[in-house]
Protein backbone atom coordinates (compact mmCIF):
# COMPACT_ATOMS: atom_id res chain seq x y z
CA UNK A 1 -0.04 0.03 0.00
CA UNK A 2 1.03 3.58 -0.72
CA UNK A 3 1.08 6.42 1.81
CA UNK A 4 -1.77 8.98 1.40
CA UNK A 5 -0.45 12.45 0.24
CA UNK A 6 -2.21 14.16 3.15
CA UNK A 7 -1.73 12.00 6.06
CA UNK A 8 1.13 9.64 5.30
CA UNK A 9 -1.05 6.74 6.56
CA UNK A 10 -1.21 3.57 4.34
CA UNK A 11 -3.81 3.81 1.56
CA UNK A 12 -5.56 0.75 0.34
CA UNK A 13 -5.78 0.12 -3.40
CA UNK A 14 -8.66 2.09 -4.84
CA UNK A 15 -11.28 1.38 -7.46
CA UNK A 16 -10.77 3.40 -10.48
CA UNK A 17 -13.24 5.58 -12.36
CA UNK A 18 -13.30 8.28 -14.81
CA UNK A 19 -15.34 10.72 -12.73
CA UNK A 20 -16.44 10.41 -9.02
CA UNK A 21 -19.55 12.37 -8.14
CA UNK A 22 -20.37 12.89 -4.38
CA UNK A 23 -24.00 13.47 -3.72
CA UNK A 24 -27.23 12.47 -5.51
CA UNK A 25 -29.16 15.67 -5.53
CA UNK A 26 -30.05 17.49 -8.78
CA UNK A 27 -26.67 18.91 -9.51
CA UNK A 28 -24.78 15.78 -8.79
CA UNK A 29 -27.03 13.55 -10.67
CA UNK A 30 -26.94 15.86 -13.80
CA UNK A 31 -23.02 15.94 -13.64
CA UNK A 32 -23.01 12.12 -13.37
CA UNK A 33 -25.47 11.70 -16.14
CA UNK A 34 -23.80 14.03 -18.55
CA UNK A 35 -20.45 12.45 -17.87
CA UNK A 36 -21.84 9.05 -18.59
CA UNK A 37 -23.66 10.13 -21.69
CA UNK A 38 -20.27 11.61 -22.89
CA UNK A 39 -18.72 8.10 -22.42
CA UNK A 40 -17.03 8.21 -19.08
CA UNK A 41 -17.17 5.54 -16.44
CA UNK A 42 -18.90 7.41 -13.51
CA UNK A 43 -19.42 6.55 -9.89
CA UNK A 44 -22.15 8.40 -8.00
CA UNK A 45 -21.87 8.11 -4.14
CA UNK A 46 -24.75 9.02 -1.85
CA UNK A 47 -24.39 9.15 1.87
CA UNK A 48 -28.08 8.24 2.58
CA UNK A 49 -30.09 5.30 1.18
CA UNK A 50 -32.09 7.47 -1.19
CA UNK A 51 -31.48 9.89 -4.03
CA UNK A 52 -32.86 13.30 -4.29
CA UNK A 53 -31.73 15.23 -1.17
CA UNK A 54 -33.50 18.50 -0.77
CA UNK A 55 -34.55 18.55 -4.42
CA UNK A 56 -36.99 15.64 -3.73
CA UNK A 57 -39.05 17.77 -1.29
CA UNK A 58 -38.94 20.95 -3.54
CA UNK A 59 -41.39 22.10 -6.05
CA UNK A 60 -38.94 20.93 -8.76
CA UNK A 61 -39.23 24.23 -10.72
CA UNK A 62 -36.18 25.50 -12.62
CA UNK A 63 -35.44 29.14 -13.45
CA UNK A 64 -34.18 28.90 -17.01
CA UNK A 65 -34.16 32.08 -19.10
CA UNK A 66 -34.91 31.71 -22.84
CA UNK A 67 -35.94 28.06 -22.49
CA UNK A 68 -37.51 26.35 -25.45
CA UNK A 69 -40.58 25.11 -23.52
CA UNK A 70 -41.62 28.60 -22.87
CA UNK A 71 -41.05 29.60 -26.41
CA UNK A 72 -43.14 26.63 -27.67
CA UNK A 73 -45.85 27.56 -25.32
CA UNK A 74 -46.03 31.07 -26.77
CA UNK A 75 -44.14 32.96 -24.03
CA UNK A 76 -41.66 35.63 -25.09
CA UNK A 77 -38.85 35.40 -22.54
CA UNK A 78 -35.16 35.95 -23.57
CA UNK A 79 -31.76 35.66 -22.02
CA UNK A 80 -31.21 39.35 -22.71
CA UNK A 81 -34.25 40.34 -20.53
CA UNK A 82 -33.12 37.95 -17.73
CA UNK A 83 -29.70 39.56 -17.85
CA UNK A 84 -31.31 42.96 -17.43
CA UNK A 85 -33.21 41.55 -14.37
CA UNK A 86 -30.23 40.17 -12.70
CA UNK A 87 -28.18 43.29 -13.33
CA UNK A 88 -30.83 45.33 -11.66
CA UNK A 89 -31.20 42.84 -8.76
CA UNK A 90 -27.65 41.89 -8.11
CA UNK A 91 -25.38 44.22 -10.06
CA UNK A 92 -22.78 43.32 -12.81
CA UNK A 93 -21.62 39.81 -13.47
CA UNK A 94 -18.61 38.56 -11.52
CA UNK A 95 -15.14 38.83 -13.09
CA UNK A 96 -15.08 35.12 -13.85
CA UNK A 97 -18.32 35.36 -15.93
CA UNK A 98 -20.19 32.68 -13.98
CA UNK A 99 -23.60 34.39 -14.64
CA UNK A 100 -22.85 34.44 -18.36
CA UNK A 101 -21.87 30.84 -18.27
CA UNK A 102 -25.26 30.09 -16.72
CA UNK A 103 -27.06 32.07 -19.39
CA UNK A 104 -25.18 30.13 -22.11
CA UNK A 105 -25.74 26.77 -20.67
CA UNK A 106 -29.12 26.52 -18.81
CA UNK A 107 -31.52 26.10 -21.70
CA UNK A 108 -28.91 24.15 -23.55
CA UNK A 109 -28.62 21.72 -20.71
CA UNK A 110 -32.26 21.14 -20.60
CA UNK A 111 -32.41 20.47 -24.38
CA UNK A 112 -29.44 18.08 -24.10
CA UNK A 113 -31.13 16.09 -21.31
CA UNK A 114 -34.57 16.03 -22.98
CA UNK A 115 -33.04 14.67 -26.19
CA UNK A 116 -30.86 11.87 -24.49
CA UNK A 117 -32.55 10.94 -21.27
CA UNK A 118 -36.03 10.51 -19.58
CA UNK A 119 -35.90 14.03 -18.09
CA UNK A 120 -38.92 16.05 -19.40
CA UNK A 121 -40.05 19.57 -18.74
CA UNK A 122 -43.04 21.74 -19.53
CA UNK A 123 -43.37 25.45 -19.31
CA UNK A 124 -44.77 26.53 -15.97
CA UNK A 125 -46.77 29.19 -17.84
CA UNK A 126 -47.54 32.33 -15.80
CA UNK A 127 -45.12 32.13 -12.96
CA UNK A 128 -43.83 35.67 -12.19
CA UNK A 129 -40.39 36.47 -11.08
CA UNK A 130 -40.36 37.52 -7.50
CA UNK A 131 -39.38 41.27 -7.78
CA UNK A 132 -40.86 43.91 -9.96
CA UNK A 133 -37.57 45.18 -11.66
CA UNK A 134 -36.48 45.78 -15.35
CA UNK A 135 -36.40 42.55 -17.22
CA UNK A 136 -38.58 40.60 -14.89
CA UNK A 137 -40.73 37.97 -16.53
CA UNK A 138 -44.46 37.14 -15.88
CA UNK A 139 -44.36 33.83 -17.73
CA UNK A 140 -42.11 31.43 -19.62
CA UNK A 141 -38.95 31.71 -17.59
CA UNK A 142 -39.77 28.85 -15.22
CA UNK A 143 -40.16 25.22 -16.25
CA UNK A 144 -41.54 22.24 -14.27
CA UNK A 145 -40.88 18.45 -14.62
CA UNK A 146 -43.57 16.37 -16.05
CA UNK A 147 -45.26 13.93 -13.75
CA UNK A 148 -43.50 10.53 -13.57
CA UNK A 149 -44.83 7.00 -13.00
CA UNK A 150 -42.85 5.65 -10.13
CA UNK A 151 -43.88 2.08 -11.07
CA UNK A 152 -41.26 2.25 -13.96
CA UNK A 153 -38.54 2.03 -11.25
CA UNK A 154 -39.81 -1.34 -10.05
CA UNK A 155 -38.04 -2.52 -6.89
CA UNK A 156 -35.96 0.68 -6.78
CA UNK A 157 -39.01 2.94 -6.29
CA UNK A 158 -38.07 3.06 -2.59
CA UNK A 159 -34.75 4.84 -3.60
CA UNK A 160 -36.57 8.06 -4.24
CA UNK A 161 -36.75 10.30 -1.21
CA UNK A 162 -40.39 10.93 -0.46
CA UNK A 163 -41.79 14.48 -0.24
CA UNK A 164 -42.68 16.12 3.10
CA UNK A 165 -45.54 14.24 4.56
CA UNK A 166 -47.80 17.32 4.82
CA UNK A 167 -47.51 17.73 1.06
CA UNK A 168 -49.21 14.36 0.61
CA UNK A 169 -52.87 13.57 1.13
CA UNK A 170 -54.84 10.37 1.85
CA UNK A 171 -51.76 8.71 3.42
CA UNK A 172 -49.15 9.28 0.69
CA UNK A 173 -50.83 10.74 -2.49
CA UNK A 174 -48.62 13.57 -4.00
CA UNK A 175 -50.45 16.59 -5.32
CA UNK A 176 -49.34 19.71 -7.07
CA UNK A 177 -50.85 23.11 -7.26
CA UNK A 178 -53.37 22.21 -9.87
CA UNK A 179 -54.28 19.02 -8.07
CA UNK A 180 -54.91 20.94 -4.86
CA UNK A 181 -57.11 23.45 -6.80
CA UNK A 182 -59.09 20.53 -8.24
CA UNK A 183 -59.53 18.73 -5.02
CA UNK A 184 -60.74 21.94 -3.19
CA UNK A 185 -63.16 22.62 -6.11
CA UNK A 186 -64.20 19.00 -6.75
CA UNK A 187 -67.86 19.71 -6.03
CA UNK A 188 -67.97 23.05 -7.96
CA UNK A 189 -67.08 21.95 -11.41
CA UNK A 190 -67.28 18.68 -13.44
CA UNK A 191 -63.72 18.81 -14.78
CA UNK A 192 -62.32 19.27 -11.18
CA UNK A 193 -64.53 16.35 -9.99
CA UNK A 194 -63.23 14.05 -12.73
CA UNK A 195 -59.66 15.06 -12.07
CA UNK A 196 -60.14 14.38 -8.36
CA UNK A 197 -61.68 10.98 -8.95
CA UNK A 198 -58.84 9.93 -11.20
CA UNK A 199 -56.33 11.03 -8.61
CA UNK A 200 -57.93 9.12 -5.81
CA UNK A 201 -58.58 5.91 -7.90
CA UNK A 202 -54.94 5.78 -8.93
CA UNK A 203 -53.73 6.28 -5.42
CA UNK A 204 -56.10 3.49 -4.05
CA UNK A 205 -54.60 1.08 -6.71
CA UNK A 206 -51.12 2.17 -5.71
CA UNK A 207 -51.67 1.42 -2.03
CA UNK A 208 -52.35 -2.20 -2.75
CA UNK A 209 -48.72 -2.62 -3.75
CA UNK A 210 -46.62 0.36 -2.56
CA UNK A 211 -46.19 2.28 0.68
CA UNK A 212 -47.11 5.52 -1.02
CA UNK A 213 -48.54 6.82 -4.26
CA UNK A 214 -46.43 6.22 -7.52
CA UNK A 215 -47.74 9.19 -9.29
CA UNK A 216 -44.84 11.53 -8.81
CA UNK A 217 -44.97 15.29 -9.26
CA UNK A 218 -42.77 18.38 -8.65
CA UNK A 219 -39.37 17.63 -7.10
CA UNK A 220 -40.10 13.99 -6.70
CA UNK A 221 -40.82 13.51 -10.46
CA UNK A 222 -37.59 15.38 -11.28
CA UNK A 223 -35.48 13.18 -8.99
CA UNK A 224 -37.12 9.95 -10.21
CA UNK A 225 -36.61 11.00 -13.99
CA UNK A 226 -32.91 11.67 -13.26
CA UNK A 227 -32.43 8.45 -11.37
CA UNK A 228 -34.15 6.49 -13.99
CA UNK A 229 -31.90 8.09 -16.69
CA UNK A 230 -28.83 7.34 -14.53
CA UNK A 231 -29.73 3.66 -14.36
CA UNK A 232 -30.28 3.60 -18.15
CA UNK A 233 -26.96 5.26 -18.68
CA UNK A 234 -25.16 2.65 -16.69
CA UNK A 235 -23.98 4.99 -13.82
CA UNK A 236 -22.63 3.09 -10.81
CA UNK A 237 -24.63 4.42 -7.86
CA UNK A 238 -23.71 3.50 -4.28
CA UNK A 239 -25.71 4.30 -1.24
CA UNK A 240 -24.47 4.74 2.18
CA UNK A 241 -21.18 6.21 1.05
CA UNK A 242 -20.28 9.25 3.21
CA UNK A 243 -17.50 11.43 2.10
CA UNK A 244 -14.59 11.41 4.61
CA UNK A 245 -11.76 13.07 2.78
CA UNK A 246 -10.60 14.07 -0.64
CA UNK A 247 -7.56 12.20 -2.03
CA UNK A 248 -4.99 14.82 -3.12
CA UNK A 249 -1.77 14.36 -5.05
CA UNK A 250 0.48 17.33 -5.80
CA UNK A 251 -2.35 19.73 -5.36
CA UNK A 252 -4.83 17.77 -7.58
CA UNK A 253 -7.91 15.96 -6.58
CA UNK A 254 -7.43 12.42 -7.76
CA UNK A 255 -10.14 10.59 -5.77
CA UNK A 256 -11.87 10.44 -2.41
CA UNK A 257 -12.16 8.31 0.59
CA UNK A 258 -15.53 7.33 2.00
CA UNK A 259 -16.99 5.88 5.24
CA UNK A 260 -19.09 2.96 4.29
CA UNK A 261 -20.79 1.48 7.41
CA UNK A 262 -17.59 2.05 9.39
CA UNK A 263 -15.27 0.75 6.62
CA UNK A 264 -12.91 3.11 4.73
CA UNK A 265 -13.26 2.79 0.99
CA UNK A 266 -11.13 4.76 -1.46
CA UNK A 267 -11.94 5.43 -5.14
CA UNK A 268 -9.98 7.33 -7.81
CA UNK A 269 -11.25 9.54 -10.51
CA UNK A 270 -9.10 10.13 -13.64
CA UNK A 271 -10.90 13.31 -14.60
CA UNK A 272 -11.59 14.35 -10.96
CA UNK A 273 -14.14 14.56 -8.21
CA UNK A 274 -17.44 16.47 -8.18
CA UNK A 275 -18.74 17.72 -4.88
CA UNK A 276 -22.53 18.04 -4.71
CA UNK A 277 -23.30 17.05 -1.14
CA UNK A 278 -26.02 19.70 -0.64
CA UNK A 279 -24.20 22.68 0.77
CA UNK A 280 -24.23 23.66 4.50
CA UNK A 281 -27.34 21.82 5.58
CA UNK A 282 -27.30 20.71 9.20
CA UNK A 283 -23.57 21.32 9.80
CA UNK A 284 -23.51 23.40 12.91
CA UNK A 285 -20.04 24.67 12.45
CA UNK A 286 -20.88 26.20 8.99
CA UNK A 287 -24.32 27.40 10.25
CA UNK A 288 -22.78 29.36 13.00
CA UNK A 289 -20.10 30.80 10.67
CA UNK A 290 -22.42 31.67 7.77
CA UNK A 291 -25.79 32.31 9.46
CA UNK A 292 -27.04 35.63 11.04
CA UNK A 293 -25.20 36.40 14.26
CA UNK A 294 -26.98 34.80 17.31
CA UNK A 295 -29.85 33.23 15.33
CA UNK A 296 -30.55 29.49 15.89
CA UNK A 297 -32.52 28.91 12.80
CA UNK A 298 -34.20 25.74 11.39
CA UNK A 299 -33.31 23.91 8.15
CA UNK A 300 -35.39 22.28 5.50
CA UNK A 301 -32.36 20.59 4.09
CA UNK A 302 -32.47 16.72 3.94
CA UNK A 303 -31.37 15.22 7.11
CA UNK A 304 -28.34 13.63 5.27
CA UNK A 305 -26.96 17.04 4.24
CA UNK A 306 -24.14 17.64 6.68
CA UNK A 307 -21.65 20.06 4.98
CA UNK A 308 -19.07 17.36 4.36
CA UNK A 309 -18.39 18.50 0.78
CA UNK A 310 -17.53 22.04 1.94
CA UNK A 311 -15.40 20.82 4.86
CA UNK A 312 -13.38 18.47 2.78
CA UNK A 313 -12.80 21.04 0.10
CA UNK A 314 -11.63 23.52 2.71
CA UNK A 315 -9.14 21.12 4.08
CA UNK A 316 -7.86 20.74 0.51
CA UNK A 317 -7.25 24.57 0.25
CA UNK A 318 -10.64 25.63 -1.25
CA UNK A 319 -11.96 29.11 -0.83
CA UNK A 320 -15.45 29.73 0.61
CA UNK A 321 -17.43 32.70 -0.78
CA UNK A 322 -19.90 34.54 1.42
CA UNK A 323 -22.84 36.82 0.47
CA UNK A 324 -25.05 39.38 2.05
CA UNK A 325 -27.33 36.44 2.66
CA UNK A 326 -25.66 33.04 2.93
CA UNK A 327 -29.00 31.20 2.95
CA UNK A 328 -32.12 31.01 0.87
CA UNK A 329 -35.01 31.28 3.27
CA UNK A 330 -38.51 29.90 3.82
CA UNK A 331 -40.91 30.62 6.77
CA UNK A 332 -41.91 27.45 8.44
CA UNK A 333 -44.39 26.36 11.13
CA UNK A 334 -43.59 23.47 13.50
CA UNK A 335 -45.89 20.45 13.08
CA UNK A 336 -46.27 18.13 16.10
CA UNK A 337 -45.80 14.47 15.05
CA UNK A 338 -46.78 11.24 16.59
CA UNK A 339 -44.32 10.17 19.27
CA UNK A 340 -43.39 13.64 20.19
CA UNK A 341 -41.26 14.64 17.16
CA UNK A 342 -41.70 17.88 15.14
CA UNK A 343 -41.76 18.46 11.43
CA UNK A 344 -41.44 21.69 9.53
CA UNK A 345 -44.04 22.95 7.07
CA UNK A 346 -42.81 25.72 4.58
CA UNK A 347 -45.33 28.41 3.99
CA UNK A 348 -44.73 29.02 0.26
CA UNK A 349 -47.82 30.38 -1.45
CA UNK A 350 -51.03 28.63 -0.13
CA UNK A 351 -51.87 31.07 2.70
CA UNK A 352 -49.72 34.06 3.08
CA UNK A 353 -50.80 35.92 -0.08
CA UNK A 354 -54.54 35.34 0.44
CA UNK A 355 -56.95 37.98 1.65
CA UNK A 356 -57.69 38.13 5.30
CA UNK A 357 -54.25 37.19 6.78
CA UNK A 358 -51.49 39.39 8.28
CA UNK A 359 -48.09 38.62 9.74
CA UNK A 360 -47.22 40.03 13.15
CA UNK A 361 -44.07 40.40 15.08
CA UNK A 362 -43.60 40.10 18.83
CA UNK A 363 -44.86 43.59 19.28
CA UNK A 364 -48.18 42.91 17.49
CA UNK A 365 -47.15 44.90 14.35
CA UNK A 366 -47.12 43.98 10.76
CA UNK A 367 -43.51 43.99 9.49
CA UNK A 368 -43.59 42.80 5.83
CA UNK A 369 -45.64 42.38 2.77
CA UNK A 370 -47.26 39.01 3.53
CA UNK A 371 -47.49 38.09 -0.22
CA UNK A 372 -43.80 38.55 -0.82
CA UNK A 373 -41.85 35.42 -1.86
CA UNK A 374 -40.79 33.07 0.93
CA UNK A 375 -37.18 34.29 0.76
CA UNK A 376 -38.09 38.04 0.97
CA UNK A 377 -40.74 37.24 3.56
CA UNK A 378 -38.10 35.74 5.85
CA UNK A 379 -35.79 38.65 5.28
CA UNK A 380 -38.45 40.78 6.67
CA UNK A 381 -38.74 38.46 9.67
CA UNK A 382 -34.98 38.75 10.22
CA UNK A 383 -35.18 42.50 10.16
CA UNK A 384 -38.37 43.08 12.24
CA UNK A 385 -40.11 39.84 12.80
CA UNK A 386 -39.32 38.66 16.30
CA UNK A 387 -39.98 40.05 19.73
CA UNK A 388 -37.37 38.38 21.91
CA UNK A 389 -34.38 37.16 19.95
CA UNK A 390 -35.19 33.78 18.40
CA UNK A 391 -38.88 34.21 19.08
CA UNK A 392 -41.54 33.44 16.53
CA UNK A 393 -43.58 35.63 14.26
CA UNK A 394 -47.23 34.97 13.78
CA UNK A 395 -49.68 34.49 10.92
CA UNK A 396 -52.99 35.96 12.11
CA UNK A 397 -56.37 35.40 10.52
CA UNK A 398 -59.98 34.35 11.52
CA UNK A 399 -61.80 31.09 11.33
CA UNK A 400 -63.52 32.01 8.04
CA UNK A 401 -60.16 32.36 6.41
CA UNK A 402 -59.13 28.85 7.48
CA UNK A 403 -62.34 27.38 6.26
CA UNK A 404 -61.81 28.98 2.88
CA UNK A 405 -58.00 28.70 2.29
CA UNK A 406 -56.58 26.50 5.05
CA UNK A 407 -53.59 27.61 7.16
CA UNK A 408 -50.27 25.77 7.05
CA UNK A 409 -51.07 22.03 7.41
CA UNK A 410 -54.70 22.75 8.30
CA UNK A 411 -56.63 22.03 5.05
CA UNK A 412 -59.26 24.26 3.54
CA UNK A 413 -62.83 23.46 4.70
CA UNK A 414 -61.72 22.77 8.31
CA UNK A 415 -64.38 24.05 10.79
CA UNK A 416 -63.22 22.33 14.02
CA UNK A 417 -60.01 23.98 15.10
CA UNK A 418 -59.83 22.54 18.60
CA UNK A 419 -57.84 19.50 17.52
CA UNK A 420 -55.17 21.65 16.06
CA UNK A 421 -55.03 23.64 19.18
CA UNK A 422 -54.81 20.67 21.37
CA UNK A 423 -51.90 19.36 19.26
CA UNK A 424 -50.14 22.66 19.91
CA UNK A 425 -50.03 23.79 16.36
CA UNK A 426 -52.63 26.60 16.46
CA UNK A 427 -53.61 29.36 19.09
CA UNK A 428 -57.32 30.48 18.83
CA UNK A 429 -59.32 33.03 21.08
CA UNK A 430 -62.81 34.44 20.97
CA UNK A 431 -61.54 38.06 20.93
CA UNK A 432 -58.35 39.81 19.89
CA UNK A 433 -57.63 40.93 23.47
CA UNK A 434 -57.73 37.29 24.68
CA UNK A 435 -55.57 36.18 21.68
CA UNK A 436 -52.96 38.86 22.41
CA UNK A 437 -52.79 37.54 26.00
CA UNK A 438 -52.25 33.96 24.89
CA UNK A 439 -49.55 35.16 22.44
CA UNK A 440 -47.88 37.29 24.99
CA UNK A 441 -48.06 40.49 22.96
CA UNK A 442 -49.50 43.95 23.61
CA UNK A 443 -53.31 43.85 23.19
CA UNK A 444 -53.70 47.52 22.19
CA UNK A 445 -50.98 47.15 19.50
CA UNK A 446 -52.62 44.02 18.07
CA UNK A 447 -56.09 45.64 18.01
CA UNK A 448 -54.69 48.73 16.22
CA UNK A 449 -52.84 46.70 13.70
CA UNK A 450 -55.94 44.59 12.86
CA UNK A 451 -58.12 47.80 12.63
CA UNK A 452 -55.65 49.38 10.22
CA UNK A 453 -55.45 46.14 8.10
CA UNK A 454 -59.26 45.95 7.97
CA UNK A 455 -59.31 49.53 6.64
CA UNK A 456 -56.73 48.74 3.92
CA UNK A 457 -58.99 45.79 2.94
CA UNK A 458 -62.01 48.02 2.47
CA UNK A 459 -59.89 50.53 0.46
CA UNK A 460 -58.10 47.87 -1.61
CA UNK A 461 -54.80 49.61 -0.92
CA UNK A 462 -51.93 48.69 1.57
CA UNK A 463 -49.97 51.87 2.18
CA UNK A 464 -47.67 50.14 4.69
CA UNK A 465 -46.33 47.17 2.73
CA UNK A 466 -48.10 47.34 -0.59
CA UNK A 467 -49.58 43.81 -0.37
CA UNK A 468 -51.24 42.99 -3.61
CA UNK A 469 -49.50 45.66 -5.75
CA UNK A 470 -47.43 43.48 -7.95
CA UNK A 471 -48.13 40.72 -10.44
CA UNK A 472 -46.41 38.21 -8.24
CA UNK A 473 -48.53 39.12 -5.22
CA UNK A 474 -51.81 38.90 -7.20
CA UNK A 475 -50.71 35.61 -8.84
CA UNK A 476 -50.86 33.91 -5.33
CA UNK A 477 -53.89 35.88 -4.14
CA UNK A 478 -57.44 34.94 -4.57
CA UNK A 479 -58.85 36.22 -8.00
CA UNK A 480 -62.34 35.75 -6.80
CA UNK A 481 -61.86 38.60 -4.37
CA UNK A 482 -63.03 41.96 -5.79
CA UNK A 483 -60.47 44.73 -6.02
CA UNK A 484 -57.22 43.69 -4.32
CA UNK A 485 -56.97 39.82 -4.40
CA UNK A 486 -54.59 39.82 -1.43
CA UNK A 487 -56.50 42.01 1.11
CA UNK A 488 -59.38 40.97 3.22
CA UNK A 489 -60.72 41.84 6.66
CA UNK A 490 -60.18 39.91 9.98
CA UNK A 491 -63.40 40.03 11.95
CA UNK A 492 -65.14 36.69 12.38
CA UNK A 493 -64.25 34.99 15.65
CA UNK A 494 -62.71 32.82 16.72
CA UNK A 495 -59.38 34.46 15.81
CA UNK A 496 -56.33 32.32 14.91
CA UNK A 497 -52.59 32.69 15.26
CA UNK A 498 -49.92 30.38 13.97
CA UNK A 499 -46.31 30.67 15.02
CA UNK A 500 -43.81 30.68 12.27
CA UNK A 501 -40.01 30.64 12.14
CA UNK A 502 -37.18 31.35 9.69
CA UNK A 503 -35.66 28.29 8.01
CA UNK A 504 -33.13 27.81 5.33
CA UNK A 505 -34.09 25.81 2.21
CA UNK A 506 -30.54 25.90 0.81
CA UNK A 507 -27.27 27.77 1.19
CA UNK A 508 -26.08 30.60 -1.09
CA UNK A 509 -22.62 30.94 0.33
CA UNK A 510 -20.38 28.07 -0.78
CA UNK A 511 -17.21 27.03 -2.63
CA UNK A 512 -15.77 29.47 -5.14
CA UNK A 513 -15.90 28.02 -8.61
CA UNK A 514 -15.02 29.08 -12.17
CA UNK A 515 -17.38 29.03 -15.13
CA UNK A 516 -16.92 25.32 -15.63
CA UNK A 517 -17.50 24.41 -11.96
CA UNK A 518 -13.78 23.98 -11.02
CA UNK A 519 -13.31 24.79 -7.37
CA UNK A 520 -10.83 27.67 -6.74
CA UNK A 521 -8.16 27.70 -4.09
CA UNK A 522 -7.72 30.61 -1.59
CA UNK A 523 -4.88 31.79 -3.85
CA UNK A 524 -7.42 32.18 -6.75
CA UNK A 525 -6.28 29.28 -8.90
CA UNK A 526 -8.28 26.17 -9.85
CA UNK A 527 -7.78 23.15 -7.77
CA UNK A 528 -7.28 20.67 -10.63
CA UNK A 529 -9.62 17.74 -10.71
CA UNK A 530 -11.98 19.25 -8.12
CA UNK A 531 -15.45 20.46 -9.15
CA UNK A 532 -18.60 21.61 -7.22
CA UNK A 533 -22.13 22.25 -8.16
CA UNK A 534 -25.51 22.61 -6.58
CA UNK A 535 -25.50 24.07 -3.14
CA UNK A 536 -21.92 23.14 -2.50
CA UNK A 537 -20.85 25.80 -5.07
CA UNK A 538 -21.48 29.47 -4.09
CA UNK A 539 -24.70 30.70 -5.82
CA UNK A 540 -24.37 32.87 -8.95
CA UNK A 541 -27.36 34.79 -7.27
CA UNK A 542 -25.14 36.05 -4.49
CA UNK A 543 -27.84 35.70 -1.77
CA UNK A 544 -30.56 37.25 -3.86
CA UNK A 545 -33.65 35.34 -4.96
CA UNK A 546 -34.97 36.34 -8.44
CA UNK A 547 -37.77 33.73 -9.01
CA UNK A 548 -38.97 30.21 -8.90
CA UNK A 549 -36.22 27.56 -9.26
CA UNK A 550 -33.39 29.86 -8.28
CA UNK A 551 -31.20 27.02 -7.00
CA UNK A 552 -32.24 24.18 -9.44
CA UNK A 553 -31.68 26.17 -12.71
CA UNK A 554 -28.07 26.99 -11.92
CA UNK A 555 -27.49 23.44 -10.46
CA UNK A 556 -28.57 21.88 -13.81
CA UNK A 557 -26.44 24.40 -15.85
CA UNK A 558 -23.35 23.74 -13.64
CA UNK A 559 -23.76 19.95 -13.62
CA UNK A 560 -23.94 20.07 -17.41
CA UNK A 561 -20.82 22.17 -17.81
CA UNK A 562 -18.93 20.01 -15.31
CA UNK A 563 -19.81 16.84 -17.24
CA UNK A 564 -18.62 18.33 -20.47
CA UNK A 565 -15.42 19.83 -19.05
CA UNK A 566 -14.43 16.58 -17.36
CA UNK A 567 -14.78 14.86 -20.60
CA UNK A 568 -12.44 17.09 -22.40
CA UNK A 569 -9.98 16.84 -19.45
CA UNK A 570 -10.04 13.08 -19.76
CA UNK A 571 -9.42 13.34 -23.44
CA UNK A 572 -6.35 15.57 -22.78
CA UNK A 573 -7.81 18.48 -24.72
CA UNK A 574 -6.97 22.07 -23.72
CA UNK A 575 -10.19 23.57 -24.98
CA UNK A 576 -13.76 22.77 -24.00
CA UNK A 577 -15.79 20.50 -26.21
CA UNK A 578 -18.21 22.14 -28.72
CA UNK A 579 -21.45 23.19 -27.28
CA UNK A 580 -24.44 20.88 -27.71
CA UNK A 581 -26.43 22.27 -30.65
CA UNK A 582 -30.05 22.53 -29.99
CA UNK A 583 -32.17 20.68 -32.59
CA UNK A 584 -35.19 22.57 -33.91
CA UNK A 585 -37.96 21.54 -36.09
């Protein structure tokens, strides 16, 4: 056995591959898939027993300027307009041109995968960017994965990480936004009734053979399509392989060492190693370093995401980039589970934008436009949301609102709120004064806030935070509400309050990379053989959140570029391979 370059300890003979990818989230799976399609012998190592990571529990939407799917659907988006938008939001591109590389490659990566794999997308249609700035798009810029039949995976269906339990109904049936709309309106229109019956019938048949429904949508569909394509491409996927250390030789990443059920396993990669372990996740060291000072915030990252990619790269001399926001945020409520555990429910769009709900801080005051995107809503929480440090903010509404729209995990149509209060999820009271006492906030302040909010609802204008003033706000409001679809009064007791907390959905700060995903050293030079994508790489958005799919769009583009670059490195070429040429009818 040879000594390891870093420790001098004996190193067991390793298995040899062309490319070693660490982490089976979206970015890692794309890098592995492109590498295999380009003829490389690829190993994909996942620390857990399932693929998907945080992608599996996401909406699965990608932000891809100028995509073909939007063009084919009649939407007029362009890369030029997206560049204007990011210039206005973030400022000029970085010196390395990472944003330009994203623009060049994002739509191209989607076309490449659609032509050669089972990955399929459709335009998300009207899905506005999150901020009203020059170049912002109302439609066409976001794409969504087509639903996938999990039965195609056979015995490996269990390898797909399931969605959050609160985003499934009837004990395991996945639903997307259109499904929810149909289920809520099932007795109001014939098409919605038929759609609902088909969903339930399919799920009933599934449960005879599977632990959950096999009709996969959103992030689960995206993950399953990638995994099915990886298997078809012959990628060697190994589960329970946790990264322990990078194998470095003369400053170059030549492989990696993994902990596999307590046994050390070493593999080599002729073209290099790709880090796609999910970013910061639950790594307390990195969370303290990169998070807001003094804030103990929650995380929606998959339990297996532990920051090992970032830590291993740092030990190899990699540079870490920080932003004004090192995390991408979502507000969450804490859901009591059986056995005393607690889950997190992200409040994305189903309740906050609707008329008749306001958000309060610990002083009983509004602090943000409640219809703002999840990321910008939490930025408001971090500025003004809490009372005591680390305390919750509150979503306030009345019982009529809950019956109509639901609240968090409480479904629309719910009339009996006592069960939710007994579980500790909800606080109710017959008057605002009593509610204030139960929340521990000033009663006069709460009453004055609600009175002002009700006056805004009557006028249709919110002079404090402009709720309902943008296309994005109105998109998530209630179109059946006259005037402003996001404003409504709070006046029918009992009154309801739900505690919410800031949580990260992904990290923005991460490893410094170049336009081809190569990790950069603290001295500013590429660490040869070492790549990073997904949340392990610093986001090209620099802590800003432009629109739906802000993390997944760049992850796909970077994974694609890494796969192509690794192929030309393996071939000994000094110039990148020619770009994939999009086929057009």
